[in-house]
Amino acid sequence: MGRVGRPGNLRPATLVQICDNVWGVETQIRLMPWFWLPLRSTVVKLPDGTLWIHAPFAMEEELWQQIEALGEVRHLVAPNGFHSGFLKHAQRRFPRARVWVSPRLPHRNLRLTYDRLLQDGARPEEWGEALDVRLFRGAPGAGEMVFLHRSTCTLIVTDLVFNIHGARGLARLYLKWSKALGRVGQSRLWRFLVKDRNAAADSGRALIDSDFTRIVMAHGDVVHGGGREALSHALAWLHCSPG
């Protein structure tokens, strides 16, 4: 297997255990000059001992080997319409893994190769039924798919919410503008992405009513407790309170 390095807009990553059978691969990504955001790919060990990787990005070979030491990588997940730029690196490194993508992605990337479209409300047998799949409705441009790891009460999201502390430069200004600095918050860009506010509110309410305490997101610190309350606060502008 050839070396798969990391692009220059990614800092060196580390593998961190989050809870039983869940790990984060954590780095920072430069979106533009003076604009760095924390970035996480989430790894889940399924009941059969194989691995499921959410939002994979390009990594050094040593880190891929650390992940492989946890189990065989069998599923790669591109969870929304934005987090697919590095998918080809993971596909090249794990050519036998099955690739699952948000229904939005084939419309944004016509050259994308994949095996399965993620389905709202599904509990795929191939994943040992360990994860529930939800579509955050009302924002078709995002195509944000959310995952509930039921055995650890962990909600895995991509761009739905951030939890970023200590940002600098343009990232700090952006997060302050979004009212998402130093707490669980949602980018103000969602005000433009949401086209059907009632559908988005229904999706938010369904998520808040789900059985989870922890939130693992692609951008920011893991929320280890009080996840439902934090999500409710972040989505308050949609007026979707718990049932």
C-alpha atoms as a PDB file:
ATOM      1  CA  MET A   1       0.000   0.000   0.000  1.00  0.00           C
ATOM      2  CA  GLY A   2       1.416   3.357  -1.012  1.00  0.00           C
ATOM      3  CA  ARG A   3       1.778   6.300   1.334  1.00  0.00           C
ATOM      4  CA  VAL A   4      -1.269   8.543   1.573  1.00  0.00           C
ATOM      5  CA  GLY A   5      -0.156  11.882   2.979  1.00  0.00           C
ATOM      6  CA  ARG A   6      -2.103  14.905   4.131  1.00  0.00           C
ATOM      7  CA  PRO A   7      -2.635  18.104   2.120  1.00  0.00           C
ATOM      8  CA  GLY A   8      -0.975  21.326   3.259  1.00  0.00           C
ATOM      9  CA  ASN A   9      -4.233  22.745   4.626  1.00  0.00           C
ATOM     10  CA  LEU A  10      -4.384  20.063   7.344  1.00  0.00           C
ATOM     11  CA  ARG A  11      -2.253  19.979  10.482  1.00  0.00           C
ATOM     12  CA  PRO A  12      -0.977  16.643  11.878  1.00  0.00           C
ATOM     13  CA  ALA A  13      -3.820  14.594  13.368  1.00  0.00           C
ATOM     14  CA  THR A  14      -4.106  12.454  16.488  1.00  0.00           C
ATOM     15  CA  LEU A  15      -6.341   9.500  17.379  1.00  0.00           C
ATOM     16  CA  VAL A  16      -8.283   9.986  20.627  1.00  0.00           C
ATOM     17  CA  GLN A  17     -10.752   7.622  22.290  1.00  0.00           C
ATOM     18  CA  ILE A  18     -14.054   9.344  23.045  1.00  0.00           C
ATOM     19  CA  CYS A  19     -15.992   6.507  24.705  1.00  0.00           C
ATOM     20  CA  ASP A  20     -16.473   2.757  24.317  1.00  0.00           C
ATOM     21  CA  ASN A  21     -16.037   1.827  20.632  1.00  0.00           C
ATOM     22  CA  VAL A  22     -15.888   5.465  19.492  1.00  0.00           C
ATOM     23  CA  TRP A  23     -12.720   7.410  18.589  1.00  0.00           C
ATOM     24  CA  GLY A  24     -11.991  10.794  17.066  1.00  0.00           C
ATOM     25  CA  VAL A  25      -9.250  11.594  14.586  1.00  0.00           C
ATOM     26  CA  GLU A  26      -8.556  15.235  15.408  1.00  0.00           C
ATOM     27  CA  THR A  27      -6.745  17.939  13.468  1.00  0.00           C
ATOM     28  CA  GLN A  28      -7.239  21.484  12.196  1.00  0.00           C
ATOM     29  CA  ILE A  29      -8.104  22.586   8.678  1.00  0.00           C
ATOM     30  CA  ARG A  30      -7.271  25.886   6.990  1.00  0.00           C
ATOM     31  CA  LEU A  31     -10.241  27.083   4.949  1.00  0.00           C
ATOM     32  CA  MET A  32      -8.522  30.313   3.914  1.00  0.00           C
ATOM     33  CA  PRO A  33      -5.612  32.444   5.210  1.00  0.00           C
ATOM     34  CA  TRP A  34      -5.931  33.045   8.975  1.00  0.00           C
ATOM     35  CA  PHE A  35      -9.013  30.830   9.116  1.00  0.00           C
ATOM     36  CA  TRP A  36      -8.349  27.540  10.908  1.00  0.00           C
ATOM     37  CA  LEU A  37     -11.098  25.326  12.282  1.00  0.00           C
ATOM     38  CA  PRO A  38     -10.816  22.143  14.360  1.00  0.00           C
ATOM     39  CA  LEU A  39     -11.727  19.080  12.308  1.00  0.00           C
ATOM     40  CA  ARG A  40     -12.706  15.615  13.470  1.00  0.00           C
ATOM     41  CA  SER A  41     -13.338  12.326  11.725  1.00  0.00           C
ATOM     42  CA  THR A  42     -15.212   9.840  13.908  1.00  0.00           C
ATOM     43  CA  VAL A  43     -14.401   6.123  14.026  1.00  0.00           C
ATOM     44  CA  VAL A  44     -16.921   3.597  15.385  1.00  0.00           C
ATOM     45  CA  LYS A  45     -16.247  -0.082  16.034  1.00  0.00           C
ATOM     46  CA  LEU A  46     -19.308  -2.033  14.938  1.00  0.00           C
ATOM     47  CA  PRO A  47     -20.643  -5.160  16.700  1.00  0.00           C
ATOM     48  CA  ASP A  48     -18.766  -7.427  14.257  1.00  0.00           C
ATOM     49  CA  GLY A  49     -15.465  -5.725  15.127  1.00  0.00           C
ATOM     50  CA  THR A  50     -15.126  -3.825  11.841  1.00  0.00           C
ATOM     51  CA  LEU A  51     -14.772  -0.060  11.600  1.00  0.00           C
ATOM     52  CA  TRP A  52     -17.078   2.692  10.340  1.00  0.00           C
ATOM     53  CA  ILE A  53     -15.412   6.047   9.575  1.00  0.00           C
ATOM     54  CA  HIS A  54     -17.453   9.256   9.466  1.00  0.00           C
ATOM     55  CA  ALA A  55     -16.118  12.149   7.331  1.00  0.00           C
ATOM     56  CA  PRO A  56     -12.642  10.692   6.672  1.00  0.00           C
ATOM     57  CA  PHE A  57      -9.861  13.046   5.620  1.00  0.00           C
ATOM     58  CA  ALA A  58      -6.335  12.574   4.310  1.00  0.00           C
ATOM     59  CA  MET A  59      -3.981  11.214   6.979  1.00  0.00           C
ATOM     60  CA  GLU A  60      -0.386  10.151   7.333  1.00  0.00           C
ATOM     61  CA  GLU A  61       0.230   6.432   6.868  1.00  0.00           C
ATOM     62  CA  GLU A  62       1.194   6.019  10.537  1.00  0.00           C
ATOM     63  CA  LEU A  63      -2.233   7.262  11.608  1.00  0.00           C
ATOM     64  CA  TRP A  64      -4.048   5.011   9.141  1.00  0.00           C
ATOM     65  CA  GLN A  65      -2.149   2.109  10.694  1.00  0.00           C
ATOM     66  CA  GLN A  66      -3.236   3.159  14.197  1.00  0.00           C
ATOM     67  CA  ILE A  67      -6.841   3.059  13.000  1.00  0.00           C
ATOM     68  CA  GLU A  68      -6.340  -0.340  11.361  1.00  0.00           C
ATOM     69  CA  ALA A  69      -5.038  -1.681  14.671  1.00  0.00           C
ATOM     70  CA  LEU A  70      -8.564  -1.125  16.026  1.00  0.00           C
ATOM     71  CA  GLY A  71     -10.185  -3.294  13.347  1.00  0.00           C
ATOM     72  CA  GLU A  72     -10.792  -3.687   9.624  1.00  0.00           C
ATOM     73  CA  VAL A  73     -12.067  -0.510   7.952  1.00  0.00           C
ATOM     74  CA  ARG A  74     -15.190  -1.611   6.115  1.00  0.00           C
ATOM     75  CA  HIS A  75     -17.375   1.517   5.866  1.00  0.00           C
ATOM     76  CA  LEU A  76     -16.538   5.084   4.795  1.00  0.00           C
ATOM     77  CA  VAL A  77     -19.228   7.732   5.255  1.00  0.00           C
ATOM     78  CA  ALA A  78     -19.502  11.107   3.484  1.00  0.00           C
ATOM     79  CA  PRO A  79     -22.261  12.602   5.655  1.00  0.00           C
ATOM     80  CA  ASN A  80     -23.316  15.831   3.944  1.00  0.00           C
ATOM     81  CA  GLY A  81     -22.923  17.932   0.838  1.00  0.00           C
ATOM     82  CA  PHE A  82     -19.650  19.509   1.962  1.00  0.00           C
ATOM     83  CA  HIS A  83     -17.435  16.872   3.619  1.00  0.00           C
ATOM     84  CA  SER A  84     -16.362  14.832   0.619  1.00  0.00           C
ATOM     85  CA  GLY A  85     -13.208  16.599  -0.555  1.00  0.00           C
ATOM     86  CA  PHE A  86     -10.885  14.100   1.122  1.00  0.00           C
ATOM     87  CA  LEU A  87     -13.009  10.999   0.524  1.00  0.00           C
ATOM     88  CA  LYS A  88     -10.811   9.882  -2.384  1.00  0.00           C
ATOM     89  CA  HIS A  89      -7.817   9.587  -0.009  1.00  0.00           C
ATOM     90  CA  ALA A  90      -9.679   7.139   2.213  1.00  0.00           C
ATOM     91  CA  GLN A  91     -11.049   5.260  -0.809  1.00  0.00           C
ATOM     92  CA  ARG A  92      -7.515   4.861  -2.147  1.00  0.00           C
ATOM     93  CA  ARG A  93      -6.254   3.657   1.232  1.00  0.00           C
ATOM     94  CA  PHE A  94      -9.167   1.232   1.813  1.00  0.00           C
ATOM     95  CA  PRO A  95     -10.316   0.123  -1.659  1.00  0.00           C
ATOM     96  CA  ARG A  96     -12.428  -2.730  -0.256  1.00  0.00           C
ATOM     97  CA  ALA A  97     -14.425  -0.496   2.094  1.00  0.00           C
ATOM     98  CA  ARG A  98     -18.043   0.269   1.230  1.00  0.00           C
ATOM     99  CA  VAL A  99     -18.685   3.970   0.625  1.00  0.00           C
ATOM    100  CA  TRP A 100     -21.907   5.554   1.923  1.00  0.00           C
ATOM    101  CA  VAL A 101     -22.815   9.120   0.954  1.00  0.00           C
ATOM    102  CA  SER A 102     -25.436  11.757   1.639  1.00  0.00           C
ATOM    103  CA  PRO A 103     -28.100  11.885  -1.092  1.00  0.00           C
ATOM    104  CA  ARG A 104     -26.970  15.459  -1.741  1.00  0.00           C
ATOM    105  CA  LEU A 105     -23.425  14.537  -2.731  1.00  0.00           C
ATOM    106  CA  PRO A 106     -24.019  13.017  -6.193  1.00  0.00           C
ATOM    107  CA  HIS A 107     -25.625  16.331  -7.208  1.00  0.00           C
ATOM    108  CA  ARG A 108     -22.605  18.334  -6.029  1.00  0.00           C
ATOM    109  CA  ASN A 109     -19.879  15.984  -7.263  1.00  0.00           C
ATOM    110  CA  LEU A 110     -20.710  14.204 -10.510  1.00  0.00           C
ATOM    111  CA  ARG A 111     -17.391  12.308 -10.444  1.00  0.00           C
ATOM    112  CA  LEU A 112     -18.043  10.853  -6.999  1.00  0.00           C
ATOM    113  CA  THR A 113     -17.873   7.060  -6.772  1.00  0.00           C
ATOM    114  CA  TYR A 114     -19.861   5.370  -4.021  1.00  0.00           C
ATOM    115  CA  ASP A 115     -21.730   2.188  -3.098  1.00  0.00           C
ATOM    116  CA  ARG A 116     -24.798   3.301  -1.149  1.00  0.00           C
ATOM    117  CA  LEU A 117     -26.893   6.404  -0.541  1.00  0.00           C
ATOM    118  CA  LEU A 118     -27.674   7.045   3.112  1.00  0.00           C
ATOM    119  CA  GLN A 119     -31.389   6.700   3.863  1.00  0.00           C
ATOM    120  CA  ASP A 120     -33.344   8.753   6.384  1.00  0.00           C
ATOM    121  CA  GLY A 121     -34.742   6.592   9.181  1.00  0.00           C
ATOM    122  CA  ALA A 122     -32.530   3.615   8.330  1.00  0.00           C
ATOM    123  CA  ARG A 123     -30.678   1.255  10.647  1.00  0.00           C
ATOM    124  CA  PRO A 124     -28.431  -0.560   8.162  1.00  0.00           C
ATOM    125  CA  GLU A 125     -27.927  -4.274   8.709  1.00  0.00           C
ATOM    126  CA  GLU A 126     -24.393  -3.895   7.339  1.00  0.00           C
ATOM    127  CA  TRP A 127     -23.586  -1.752  10.376  1.00  0.00           C
ATOM    128  CA  GLY A 128     -24.921  -4.366  12.766  1.00  0.00           C
ATOM    129  CA  GLU A 129     -27.871  -2.012  13.336  1.00  0.00           C
ATOM    130  CA  ALA A 130     -25.575  -0.109  15.717  1.00  0.00           C
ATOM    131  CA  LEU A 131     -26.358   3.305  14.224  1.00  0.00           C
ATOM    132  CA  ASP A 132     -29.582   5.076  13.320  1.00  0.00           C
ATOM    133  CA  VAL A 133     -29.515   7.434  10.335  1.00  0.00           C
ATOM    134  CA  ARG A 134     -31.455  10.724  10.278  1.00  0.00           C
ATOM    135  CA  LEU A 135     -31.681  13.410   7.613  1.00  0.00           C
ATOM    136  CA  PHE A 136     -31.882  16.963   8.925  1.00  0.00           C
ATOM    137  CA  ARG A 137     -34.714  18.060   6.692  1.00  0.00           C
ATOM    138  CA  GLY A 138     -35.538  21.471   5.336  1.00  0.00           C
ATOM    139  CA  ALA A 139     -31.990  22.285   4.160  1.00  0.00           C
ATOM    140  CA  PRO A 140     -31.580  20.393   0.882  1.00  0.00           C
ATOM    141  CA  GLY A 141     -28.338  22.157  -0.020  1.00  0.00           C
ATOM    142  CA  ALA A 142     -26.656  20.752   3.086  1.00  0.00           C
ATOM    143  CA  GLY A 143     -27.902  17.176   2.931  1.00  0.00           C
ATOM    144  CA  GLU A 144     -26.816  16.786   6.562  1.00  0.00           C
ATOM    145  CA  MET A 145     -27.138  13.180   7.747  1.00  0.00           C
ATOM    146  CA  VAL A 146     -27.007  12.638  11.518  1.00  0.00           C
ATOM    147  CA  PHE A 147     -26.151   9.359  13.247  1.00  0.00           C
ATOM    148  CA  LEU A 148     -27.157   7.983  16.643  1.00  0.00           C
ATOM    149  CA  HIS A 149     -24.831   5.381  18.166  1.00  0.00           C
ATOM    150  CA  ARG A 150     -27.404   3.820  20.414  1.00  0.00           C
ATOM    151  CA  SER A 151     -25.187   1.759  22.734  1.00  0.00           C
ATOM    152  CA  THR A 152     -23.265   4.851  23.906  1.00  0.00           C
ATOM    153  CA  CYS A 153     -26.081   7.441  23.524  1.00  0.00           C
ATOM    154  CA  THR A 154     -23.841   9.410  21.161  1.00  0.00           C
ATOM    155  CA  LEU A 155     -25.119  11.735  18.442  1.00  0.00           C
ATOM    156  CA  ILE A 156     -22.629  12.133  15.569  1.00  0.00           C
ATOM    157  CA  VAL A 157     -23.063  15.265  13.443  1.00  0.00           C
ATOM    158  CA  THR A 158     -20.993  17.071  10.854  1.00  0.00           C
ATOM    159  CA  ASP A 159     -21.826  20.758  10.351  1.00  0.00           C
ATOM    160  CA  LEU A 160     -25.158  20.859  12.194  1.00  0.00           C
ATOM    161  CA  VAL A 161     -23.515  22.408  15.268  1.00  0.00           C
ATOM    162  CA  PHE A 162     -20.047  23.560  16.352  1.00  0.00           C
ATOM    163  CA  ASN A 163     -18.458  23.659  19.814  1.00  0.00           C
ATOM    164  CA  ILE A 164     -15.295  25.686  19.301  1.00  0.00           C
ATOM    165  CA  HIS A 165     -13.281  27.416  22.011  1.00  0.00           C
ATOM    166  CA  GLY A 166     -10.175  29.564  21.628  1.00  0.00           C
ATOM    167  CA  ALA A 167     -10.489  30.272  17.897  1.00  0.00           C
ATOM    168  CA  ARG A 168      -8.240  32.964  16.434  1.00  0.00           C
ATOM    169  CA  GLY A 169      -8.133  35.246  13.434  1.00  0.00           C
ATOM    170  CA  LEU A 170     -10.953  35.135  10.920  1.00  0.00           C
ATOM    171  CA  ALA A 171     -12.355  31.977  12.488  1.00  0.00           C
ATOM    172  CA  ARG A 172     -12.918  33.832  15.760  1.00  0.00           C
ATOM    173  CA  LEU A 173     -14.686  36.693  13.981  1.00  0.00           C
ATOM    174  CA  TYR A 174     -16.859  34.269  12.051  1.00  0.00           C
ATOM    175  CA  LEU A 175     -17.829  32.285  15.140  1.00  0.00           C
ATOM    176  CA  LYS A 176     -18.609  35.450  17.105  1.00  0.00           C
ATOM    177  CA  TRP A 177     -20.843  36.595  14.250  1.00  0.00           C
ATOM    178  CA  SER A 178     -22.555  33.191  14.340  1.00  0.00           C
ATOM    179  CA  LYS A 179     -22.898  33.355  18.144  1.00  0.00           C
ATOM    180  CA  ALA A 180     -21.188  29.979  18.202  1.00  0.00           C
ATOM    181  CA  LEU A 181     -17.910  30.854  19.919  1.00  0.00           C
ATOM    182  CA  GLY A 182     -17.193  29.081  23.205  1.00  0.00           C
ATOM    183  CA  ARG A 183     -20.438  27.098  23.246  1.00  0.00           C
ATOM    184  CA  VAL A 184     -22.500  24.662  21.233  1.00  0.00           C
ATOM    185  CA  GLY A 185     -23.904  26.760  18.413  1.00  0.00           C
ATOM    186  CA  GLN A 186     -24.934  26.660  14.801  1.00  0.00           C
ATOM    187  CA  SER A 187     -23.362  28.591  11.961  1.00  0.00           C
ATOM    188  CA  ARG A 188     -25.525  31.455  10.748  1.00  0.00           C
ATOM    189  CA  LEU A 189     -25.124  30.018   7.275  1.00  0.00           C
ATOM    190  CA  TRP A 190     -27.923  27.639   8.243  1.00  0.00           C
ATOM    191  CA  ARG A 191     -30.297  30.626   8.010  1.00  0.00           C
ATOM    192  CA  PHE A 192     -29.587  30.574   4.283  1.00  0.00           C
ATOM    193  CA  LEU A 193     -29.426  26.788   3.920  1.00  0.00           C
ATOM    194  CA  VAL A 194     -32.834  26.216   5.516  1.00  0.00           C
ATOM    195  CA  LYS A 195     -35.515  26.522   2.835  1.00  0.00           C
ATOM    196  CA  ASP A 196     -38.357  24.861   4.737  1.00  0.00           C
ATOM    197  CA  ARG A 197     -38.313  26.099   8.310  1.00  0.00           C
ATOM    198  CA  ASN A 198     -41.156  23.852   9.459  1.00  0.00           C
ATOM    199  CA  ALA A 199     -39.375  20.737   8.173  1.00  0.00           C
ATOM    200  CA  ALA A 200     -36.140  21.849   9.829  1.00  0.00           C
ATOM    201  CA  ALA A 201     -37.953  22.493  13.114  1.00  0.00           C
ATOM    202  CA  ASP A 202     -39.536  19.024  12.944  1.00  0.00           C
ATOM    203  CA  SER A 203     -36.120  17.445  12.345  1.00  0.00           C
ATOM    204  CA  GLY A 204     -34.599  19.419  15.193  1.00  0.00           C
ATOM    205  CA  ARG A 205     -37.392  18.402  17.536  1.00  0.00           C
ATOM    206  CA  ALA A 206     -37.007  14.726  16.593  1.00  0.00           C
ATOM    207  CA  LEU A 207     -33.273  14.886  17.291  1.00  0.00           C
ATOM    208  CA  ILE A 208     -33.710  16.665  20.615  1.00  0.00           C
ATOM    209  CA  ASP A 209     -36.210  13.997  21.650  1.00  0.00           C
ATOM    210  CA  SER A 210     -33.735  11.206  20.810  1.00  0.00           C
ATOM    211  CA  ASP A 211     -31.906   9.174  23.441  1.00  0.00           C
ATOM    212  CA  PHE A 212     -28.438  10.745  23.582  1.00  0.00           C
ATOM    213  CA  THR A 213     -26.288  12.565  26.102  1.00  0.00           C
ATOM    214  CA  ARG A 214     -23.098  13.044  24.063  1.00  0.00           C
ATOM    215  CA  ILE A 215     -22.553  15.007  20.836  1.00  0.00           C
ATOM    216  CA  VAL A 216     -19.556  14.376  18.594  1.00  0.00           C
ATOM    217  CA  MET A 217     -19.229  16.957  15.849  1.00  0.00           C
ATOM    218  CA  ALA A 218     -16.803  17.515  12.998  1.00  0.00           C
ATOM    219  CA  HIS A 219     -15.843  20.956  14.308  1.00  0.00           C
ATOM    220  CA  GLY A 220     -15.213  21.475  17.993  1.00  0.00           C
ATOM    221  CA  ASP A 221     -15.013  19.825  21.397  1.00  0.00           C
ATOM    222  CA  VAL A 222     -17.064  16.745  22.207  1.00  0.00           C
ATOM    223  CA  VAL A 223     -20.069  17.396  24.457  1.00  0.00           C
ATOM    224  CA  HIS A 224     -19.921  14.548  26.986  1.00  0.00           C
ATOM    225  CA  GLY A 225     -23.096  15.370  28.914  1.00  0.00           C
ATOM    226  CA  GLY A 226     -26.249  17.400  28.538  1.00  0.00           C
ATOM    227  CA  GLY A 227     -26.266  16.952  24.785  1.00  0.00           C
ATOM    228  CA  ARG A 228     -30.020  17.306  24.355  1.00  0.00           C
ATOM    229  CA  GLU A 229     -30.087  20.616  26.221  1.00  0.00           C
ATOM    230  CA  ALA A 230     -27.075  21.916  24.265  1.00  0.00           C
ATOM    231  CA  LEU A 231     -28.660  20.976  20.939  1.00  0.00           C
ATOM    232  CA  SER A 232     -31.963  22.541  21.960  1.00  0.00           C
ATOM    233  CA  HIS A 233     -30.185  25.812  22.744  1.00  0.00           C
ATOM    234  CA  ALA A 234     -28.259  25.766  19.446  1.00  0.00           C
ATOM    235  CA  LEU A 235     -31.448  25.217  17.425  1.00  0.00           C
ATOM    236  CA  ALA A 236     -33.576  27.651  19.428  1.00  0.00           C
ATOM    237  CA  TRP A 237     -33.983  29.956  16.408  1.00  0.00           C
ATOM    238  CA  LEU A 238     -36.067  27.189  14.787  1.00  0.00           C
ATOM    239  CA  HIS A 239     -38.361  27.100  17.856  1.00  0.00           C
ATOM    240  CA  CYS A 240     -37.978  23.329  18.225  1.00  0.00           C
ATOM    241  CA  SER A 241     -38.097  22.576  21.943  1.00  0.00           C
ATOM    242  CA  PRO A 242     -38.189  19.023  23.374  1.00  0.00           C
ATOM    243  CA  GLY A 243     -41.525  17.228  23.437  1.00  0.00           C
END
